[in-house]
Amino acid sequence: MNVYPIRTSDALWFGAGANVTATGNSYQLVSTQDHWTLEERDIYRIGNFAAFRENPKVIAEEVYLEEYGNVGRPEYQSFFTGEHAYPKQAWGMSIDLTACIGCNACVIACQAENNIPIVGKSEIARGREMHWIRIDRYFAGNLDNPSTYMMPMACMQCEQAPCEIVCPVAATVHDYEGLNNMVYNRCVGTKYCSNNCPYKVRRFNFLQYSDIDTIQFTLMRNPEVTVRNRGVMEKCTYCVQRISDARIEAKKVAVAAGSQDYVIDDGVIVTACEGACPTNAIVFGDINDANSRVKKLKDEPHSYYPLGILNTKPRTTYLARVRNPHESLEVEGEG
């Protein structure tokens, strides 16, 4: 609804004397906020600073130990056999829930970087949003004064990915660096992968949202990312085009030095969401590099991955949120 007509030049920020009258008409509001939230599941970890200082690990593990014991821990028996080997890079991401403020900058940056189409209000009303990353919103405490928590959620790049084993045409596959890739020209739109994804982070391109015929529109798109046609599944790729660019540049440097052993330095690859985050809550890098920022964050005692009971072993992990509110601001019933 456009309210700019009542924002005059002599009342840019505040106005007085306005009246509100019911018209009897209705106006449809649409939102993607609650389409995929994982309510009633062990998804968000939070604890207070006192408990964290005493035992940093307790925030990430207390729900596991109380409800599941060792179920979902790395030693738990999986229906997958064998382990993937990554002799070179193994990409991963860490998201700090304490730092995230839910500003949605990562969502917009991802949309611009990866040529994600705007599907319009009518499609959103049908639950057909196309964002590759979403900001889930959860509440705690009493209804009069609840606490609100934000959680970015994109493709988790699972090491043991449930989506891969159900695709009949091998359109979603594991690569040699641990990425869960989408091969668009193989996808036939069964949506089996989406049904089998516990995190609900895949998007199906129901209609031809992108205009690929108008030549002027090519100027607004990222030329390094495929513009998808209708009928395929889309999802986060960890900005694989940026990974490829960095790999090519590293190989060129190595060849110029007379070597075939290339090195991609930590911090060279910055995903769109990471680069746009104003609080540096998102960190991406090589988890095979013991000195990388992401590896150090993943080794923190309060690092965890959601729905660990499923043992999908995502490459994206989270740092549990640590709260330290003043006593006068504490919400009753929270730790």
Protein backbone atom coordinates (compact mmCIF):
# COMPACT_ATOMS: atom_id res chain seq x y z
CA MET A 1 0.00 0.00 0.00
CA ASN A 2 1.41 3.38 -1.03
CA VAL A 3 1.27 6.03 1.70
CA TYR A 4 3.60 8.52 0.01
CA PRO A 5 0.71 10.80 -1.08
CA ILE A 6 0.25 11.83 2.56
CA ARG A 7 3.98 12.50 3.02
CA THR A 8 4.12 16.12 1.94
CA SER A 9 7.16 18.40 1.68
CA ASP A 10 6.24 20.17 4.91
CA ALA A 11 5.70 16.88 6.80
CA LEU A 12 8.50 14.58 5.63
CA TRP A 13 8.79 12.64 8.86
CA PHE A 14 5.80 13.52 11.04
CA GLY A 15 2.29 14.70 10.35
CA ALA A 16 -0.80 15.57 12.36
CA GLY A 17 -4.52 15.85 11.83
CA ALA A 18 -4.96 12.72 9.66
CA ASN A 19 -8.11 10.62 9.92
CA VAL A 20 -8.51 6.90 9.18
CA THR A 21 -11.81 5.66 7.79
CA ALA A 22 -12.78 2.09 6.95
CA THR A 23 -13.62 1.68 3.25
CA GLY A 24 -15.07 -1.81 3.41
CA ASN A 25 -12.65 -2.98 0.73
CA SER A 26 -10.08 -5.74 1.18
CA TYR A 27 -6.44 -5.88 0.13
CA GLN A 28 -4.43 -9.08 -0.08
CA LEU A 29 -1.14 -9.13 1.83
CA VAL A 30 1.42 -11.81 0.99
CA SER A 31 4.56 -12.87 2.82
CA THR A 32 7.13 -15.64 2.62
CA GLN A 33 7.98 -15.38 6.31
CA ASP A 34 6.37 -18.59 7.54
CA HIS A 35 6.48 -20.73 4.39
CA TRP A 36 9.39 -22.91 5.43
CA THR A 37 10.09 -22.26 9.11
CA LEU A 38 11.04 -25.44 10.94
CA GLU A 39 8.86 -24.94 13.99
CA GLU A 40 8.65 -27.58 16.73
CA ARG A 41 12.05 -28.94 15.68
CA ASP A 42 15.44 -28.75 17.36
CA ILE A 43 16.72 -26.02 15.07
CA TYR A 44 17.84 -22.98 17.10
CA ARG A 45 20.34 -23.15 19.97
CA ILE A 46 20.56 -20.38 22.52
CA GLY A 47 21.94 -19.89 26.00
CA ASN A 48 22.96 -17.18 28.43
CA PHE A 49 26.46 -15.87 28.87
CA ALA A 50 26.92 -17.23 32.39
CA ALA A 51 26.29 -20.80 31.24
CA PHE A 52 28.45 -20.26 28.17
CA ARG A 53 31.36 -18.96 30.23
CA GLU A 54 31.15 -21.95 32.53
CA ASN A 55 30.87 -24.53 29.73
CA PRO A 56 30.76 -23.22 26.13
CA LYS A 57 29.78 -26.63 24.79
CA VAL A 58 26.56 -26.87 26.78
CA ILE A 59 24.63 -24.47 24.56
CA ALA A 60 25.12 -26.56 21.45
CA GLU A 61 24.70 -29.98 23.02
CA GLU A 62 22.19 -29.76 25.84
CA VAL A 63 19.18 -30.65 23.66
CA TYR A 64 21.01 -33.60 22.13
CA LEU A 65 22.04 -34.98 25.48
CA GLU A 66 18.62 -34.50 27.02
CA GLU A 67 16.46 -35.88 24.20
CA TYR A 68 18.60 -37.99 21.90
CA GLY A 69 21.72 -39.07 23.77
CA ASN A 70 24.35 -39.72 21.12
CA VAL A 71 21.87 -39.94 18.25
CA GLY A 72 22.92 -37.55 15.51
CA ARG A 73 26.52 -37.30 16.66
CA PRO A 74 29.28 -38.16 14.15
CA GLU A 75 29.69 -41.66 15.60
CA TYR A 76 26.03 -42.50 15.02
CA GLN A 77 25.49 -45.20 12.41
CA SER A 78 24.31 -43.73 9.10
CA PHE A 79 22.47 -45.29 6.18
CA PHE A 80 25.27 -43.92 3.98
CA THR A 81 28.29 -46.13 3.42
CA GLY A 82 31.82 -44.82 3.12
CA GLU A 83 33.17 -41.31 3.41
CA HIS A 84 34.02 -38.77 0.74
CA ALA A 85 37.70 -37.86 0.42
CA TYR A 86 38.76 -34.29 -0.31
CA PRO A 87 42.52 -34.10 -0.87
CA LYS A 88 42.43 -30.45 -1.93
CA GLN A 89 39.72 -27.99 -0.84
CA ALA A 90 36.58 -28.77 1.15
CA TRP A 91 34.29 -25.75 1.25
CA GLY A 92 32.16 -24.89 4.23
CA MET A 93 30.34 -22.05 5.96
CA SER A 94 29.74 -20.91 9.53
CA ILE A 95 26.95 -18.56 10.60
CA ASP A 96 27.07 -16.78 13.95
CA LEU A 97 23.54 -16.53 15.34
CA THR A 98 24.67 -14.03 17.97
CA ALA A 99 25.78 -11.62 15.25
CA CYS A 100 22.83 -12.05 12.85
CA ILE A 101 20.33 -9.18 13.05
CA GLY A 102 17.93 -10.45 10.38
CA CYS A 103 18.48 -7.50 8.03
CA ASN A 104 18.00 -9.59 4.83
CA ALA A 105 21.07 -8.10 3.14
CA CYS A 106 22.29 -11.63 2.41
CA VAL A 107 18.98 -12.48 0.72
CA ILE A 108 19.15 -9.49 -1.64
CA ALA A 109 22.85 -10.00 -2.40
CA CYS A 110 22.22 -13.64 -3.27
CA GLN A 111 19.32 -12.67 -5.51
CA ALA A 112 21.41 -10.17 -7.46
CA GLU A 113 24.50 -12.39 -7.71
CA ASN A 114 22.74 -15.55 -8.86
CA ASN A 115 20.14 -14.17 -11.30
CA ILE A 116 17.26 -15.27 -9.11
CA PRO A 117 13.99 -14.10 -10.69
CA ILE A 118 11.34 -11.93 -9.06
CA VAL A 119 8.24 -14.10 -9.22
CA GLY A 120 5.65 -11.48 -8.27
CA LYS A 121 2.90 -11.18 -5.73
CA SER A 122 0.55 -13.74 -7.28
CA GLU A 123 3.23 -16.45 -7.20
CA ILE A 124 4.27 -15.56 -3.66
CA ALA A 125 0.62 -15.97 -2.62
CA ARG A 126 0.87 -19.56 -3.91
CA GLY A 127 4.03 -20.22 -1.91
CA ARG A 128 6.31 -20.13 -4.95
CA GLU A 129 9.07 -17.81 -3.79
CA MET A 130 12.50 -18.26 -5.39
CA HIS A 131 14.97 -16.85 -2.85
CA TRP A 132 17.89 -19.24 -2.36
CA ILE A 133 18.40 -18.05 1.21
CA ARG A 134 15.75 -17.14 3.74
CA ILE A 135 15.72 -15.60 7.21
CA ASP A 136 13.69 -17.77 9.55
CA ARG A 137 12.11 -16.01 12.52
CA TYR A 138 11.45 -17.68 15.86
CA PHE A 139 9.90 -16.40 19.07
CA ALA A 140 10.41 -17.28 22.72
CA GLY A 141 9.00 -16.10 26.01
CA ASN A 142 5.52 -14.79 26.71
CA LEU A 143 3.15 -13.29 24.16
CA ASP A 144 3.23 -9.84 25.74
CA ASN A 145 7.00 -9.48 25.52
CA PRO A 146 8.51 -12.18 23.28
CA SER A 147 12.10 -12.44 22.20
CA THR A 148 12.71 -12.70 18.46
CA TYR A 149 15.52 -14.73 16.93
CA MET A 150 16.71 -14.74 13.32
CA MET A 151 18.30 -17.65 11.49
CA PRO A 152 19.63 -17.52 7.90
CA MET A 153 18.91 -20.78 6.10
CA ALA A 154 20.18 -21.79 2.65
CA CYS A 155 21.23 -25.11 1.13
CA MET A 156 23.25 -26.80 3.85
CA GLN A 157 25.51 -28.58 1.33
CA CYS A 158 25.07 -31.83 3.24
CA GLU A 159 27.96 -34.27 3.25
CA GLN A 160 25.40 -37.06 3.36
CA ALA A 161 22.74 -35.34 1.29
CA PRO A 162 19.23 -36.85 1.29
CA CYS A 163 18.46 -35.06 -1.99
CA GLU A 164 21.17 -36.86 -3.94
CA ILE A 165 19.98 -40.40 -3.36
CA VAL A 166 16.44 -39.78 -4.65
CA CYS A 167 17.14 -37.90 -7.89
CA PRO A 168 16.31 -40.28 -10.77
CA VAL A 169 18.50 -38.43 -13.29
CA ALA A 170 21.54 -37.53 -11.12
CA ALA A 171 20.81 -33.83 -11.42
CA THR A 172 21.95 -33.16 -7.86
CA VAL A 173 25.41 -34.58 -7.26
CA HIS A 174 28.38 -34.36 -4.89
CA ASP A 175 31.56 -32.91 -6.33
CA TYR A 176 35.23 -33.38 -5.44
CA GLU A 177 35.23 -30.37 -3.11
CA GLY A 178 32.11 -31.34 -1.18
CA LEU A 179 29.58 -29.12 -2.94
CA ASN A 180 26.09 -30.40 -3.57
CA ASN A 181 25.71 -29.27 -7.18
CA MET A 182 22.67 -28.82 -9.40
CA VAL A 183 23.04 -29.86 -13.05
CA TYR A 184 20.23 -27.84 -14.58
CA ASN A 185 20.17 -29.51 -18.00
CA ARG A 186 19.61 -32.89 -16.33
CA CYS A 187 16.79 -31.81 -14.03
CA VAL A 188 13.36 -32.98 -15.14
CA GLY A 189 11.45 -31.37 -12.28
CA THR A 190 10.34 -34.38 -10.26
CA LYS A 191 10.83 -32.34 -7.04
CA TYR A 192 11.89 -35.53 -5.25
CA CYS A 193 14.95 -33.69 -3.93
CA SER A 194 12.81 -30.96 -2.41
CA ASN A 195 10.54 -33.51 -0.77
CA ASN A 196 13.55 -35.28 0.72
CA CYS A 197 15.27 -32.12 1.97
CA PRO A 198 14.73 -31.77 5.75
CA TYR A 199 15.76 -28.09 5.66
CA LYS A 200 13.35 -27.12 2.85
CA VAL A 201 15.85 -24.95 1.02
CA ARG A 202 15.19 -25.93 -2.60
CA ARG A 203 13.06 -23.87 -4.96
CA PHE A 204 11.21 -25.12 -8.03
CA ASN A 205 10.98 -22.89 -11.09
CA PHE A 206 7.28 -23.38 -11.83
CA LEU A 207 7.00 -20.82 -14.63
CA GLN A 208 9.25 -19.00 -17.10
CA TYR A 209 10.00 -16.21 -14.66
CA SER A 210 13.10 -14.94 -16.49
CA ASP A 211 12.77 -13.08 -19.77
CA ILE A 212 15.63 -14.53 -21.83
CA ASP A 213 14.55 -12.94 -25.14
CA THR A 214 14.79 -9.21 -24.41
CA ILE A 215 18.40 -8.32 -25.16
CA GLN A 216 18.49 -5.34 -22.78
CA PHE A 217 17.79 -7.59 -19.79
CA THR A 218 21.07 -9.43 -20.29
CA LEU A 219 22.87 -6.31 -19.04
CA MET A 220 21.32 -6.57 -15.59
CA ARG A 221 22.27 -10.21 -15.03
CA ASN A 222 25.47 -11.80 -13.81
CA PRO A 223 27.04 -13.29 -16.95
CA GLU A 224 28.85 -15.95 -14.90
CA VAL A 225 25.62 -17.55 -13.66
CA THR A 226 23.19 -19.59 -15.75
CA VAL A 227 19.75 -18.06 -16.26
CA ARG A 228 17.40 -20.93 -15.55
CA ASN A 229 14.37 -21.88 -17.64
CA ARG A 230 11.15 -23.17 -16.15
CA GLY A 231 10.85 -26.66 -14.76
CA VAL A 232 14.12 -27.02 -12.83
CA MET A 233 15.07 -27.06 -9.17
CA GLU A 234 17.23 -24.20 -7.88
CA LYS A 235 19.20 -23.69 -4.68
CA CYS A 236 22.26 -22.12 -3.09
CA THR A 237 25.55 -23.08 -4.77
CA TYR A 238 27.99 -21.44 -2.32
CA CYS A 239 28.51 -19.00 -5.23
CA VAL A 240 30.29 -21.72 -7.20
CA GLN A 241 31.12 -19.20 -9.93
CA ARG A 242 33.31 -17.29 -7.48
CA ILE A 243 34.96 -20.50 -6.39
CA SER A 244 35.73 -21.33 -10.02
CA ASP A 245 37.15 -17.86 -10.67
CA ALA A 246 39.46 -18.12 -7.66
CA ARG A 247 40.58 -21.60 -8.69
CA ILE A 248 41.41 -20.44 -12.22
CA GLU A 249 43.41 -17.47 -10.94
CA ALA A 250 45.28 -19.67 -8.45
CA LYS A 251 46.15 -22.17 -11.19
CA LYS A 252 47.45 -19.35 -13.43
CA VAL A 253 49.74 -18.14 -10.65
CA ALA A 254 50.98 -21.69 -10.01
CA VAL A 255 51.67 -22.36 -13.70
CA ALA A 256 53.53 -19.06 -14.04
CA ALA A 257 55.73 -20.18 -11.15
CA GLY A 258 56.38 -23.53 -12.87
CA SER A 259 54.18 -25.57 -10.54
CA GLN A 260 50.94 -27.50 -10.84
CA ASP A 261 50.17 -27.28 -7.13
CA TYR A 262 47.91 -24.26 -6.73
CA VAL A 263 46.84 -22.65 -3.47
CA ILE A 264 43.67 -20.64 -2.81
CA ASP A 265 44.37 -18.37 0.13
CA ASP A 266 41.81 -18.01 2.89
CA GLY A 267 39.51 -15.05 2.36
CA VAL A 268 40.03 -14.85 -1.41
CA ILE A 269 36.59 -16.37 -2.03
CA VAL A 270 33.79 -14.28 -0.55
CA THR A 271 30.25 -15.46 -1.22
CA ALA A 272 27.58 -12.87 -2.00
CA CYS A 273 25.85 -13.36 1.34
CA GLU A 274 29.12 -13.15 3.26
CA GLY A 275 30.18 -9.98 1.50
CA ALA A 276 26.86 -8.25 2.13
CA CYS A 277 26.50 -9.17 5.81
CA PRO A 278 27.00 -5.97 7.86
CA THR A 279 27.82 -7.85 11.07
CA ASN A 280 30.20 -10.45 9.57
CA ALA A 281 27.91 -13.23 10.80
CA ILE A 282 28.65 -15.36 7.72
CA VAL A 283 32.11 -16.82 7.09
CA PHE A 284 33.02 -19.05 4.13
CA GLY A 285 36.22 -20.94 3.42
CA ASP A 286 38.17 -24.18 3.21
CA ILE A 287 37.62 -26.48 6.17
CA ASN A 288 40.66 -28.53 5.11
CA ASP A 289 42.79 -25.51 5.99
CA ALA A 290 43.40 -25.68 9.73
CA ASN A 291 44.24 -21.97 9.81
CA SER A 292 41.17 -20.77 7.91
CA ARG A 293 38.61 -18.61 9.66
CA VAL A 294 35.76 -21.02 8.94
CA LYS A 295 37.67 -24.01 10.31
CA LYS A 296 38.42 -22.18 13.54
CA LEU A 297 34.76 -21.22 13.92
CA LYS A 298 33.63 -24.79 13.28
CA ASP A 299 36.00 -25.95 16.01
CA GLU A 300 34.35 -23.65 18.54
CA PRO A 301 32.61 -25.66 21.29
CA HIS A 302 29.24 -24.02 20.63
CA SER A 303 29.26 -24.84 16.91
CA TYR A 304 26.45 -27.15 15.77
CA TYR A 305 24.40 -28.13 12.77
CA PRO A 306 20.57 -28.18 12.83
CA LEU A 307 18.62 -31.43 12.90
CA GLY A 308 21.74 -33.36 13.83
CA ILE A 309 19.64 -36.42 14.59
CA LEU A 310 19.33 -36.92 10.82
CA ASN A 311 23.12 -37.19 10.50
CA THR A 312 23.20 -35.38 7.15
CA LYS A 313 26.46 -33.67 8.20
CA PRO A 314 25.92 -30.27 6.55
CA ARG A 315 28.85 -28.16 5.43
CA THR A 316 27.02 -25.13 6.84
CA THR A 317 27.12 -24.99 10.62
CA TYR A 318 25.99 -22.43 13.18
CA LEU A 319 27.40 -20.86 16.30
CA ALA A 320 24.74 -21.00 19.00
CA ARG A 321 23.45 -17.65 20.13
CA VAL A 322 24.80 -16.31 23.40
CA ARG A 323 22.58 -13.88 25.31
CA ASN A 324 23.67 -11.49 28.03
CA PRO A 325 20.66 -9.24 28.75
CA HIS A 326 20.30 -6.93 31.68
CA GLU A 327 18.14 -8.39 34.42
CA SER A 328 15.50 -5.74 33.92
CA LEU A 329 15.14 -6.77 30.27
CA GLU A 330 15.10 -10.52 30.83
CA VAL A 331 12.01 -12.31 29.53
CA GLU A 332 10.41 -14.61 32.06
CA GLY A 333 10.94 -18.26 31.29
CA GLU A 334 14.17 -17.88 29.30
CA GLY A 335 17.64 -18.93 30.32
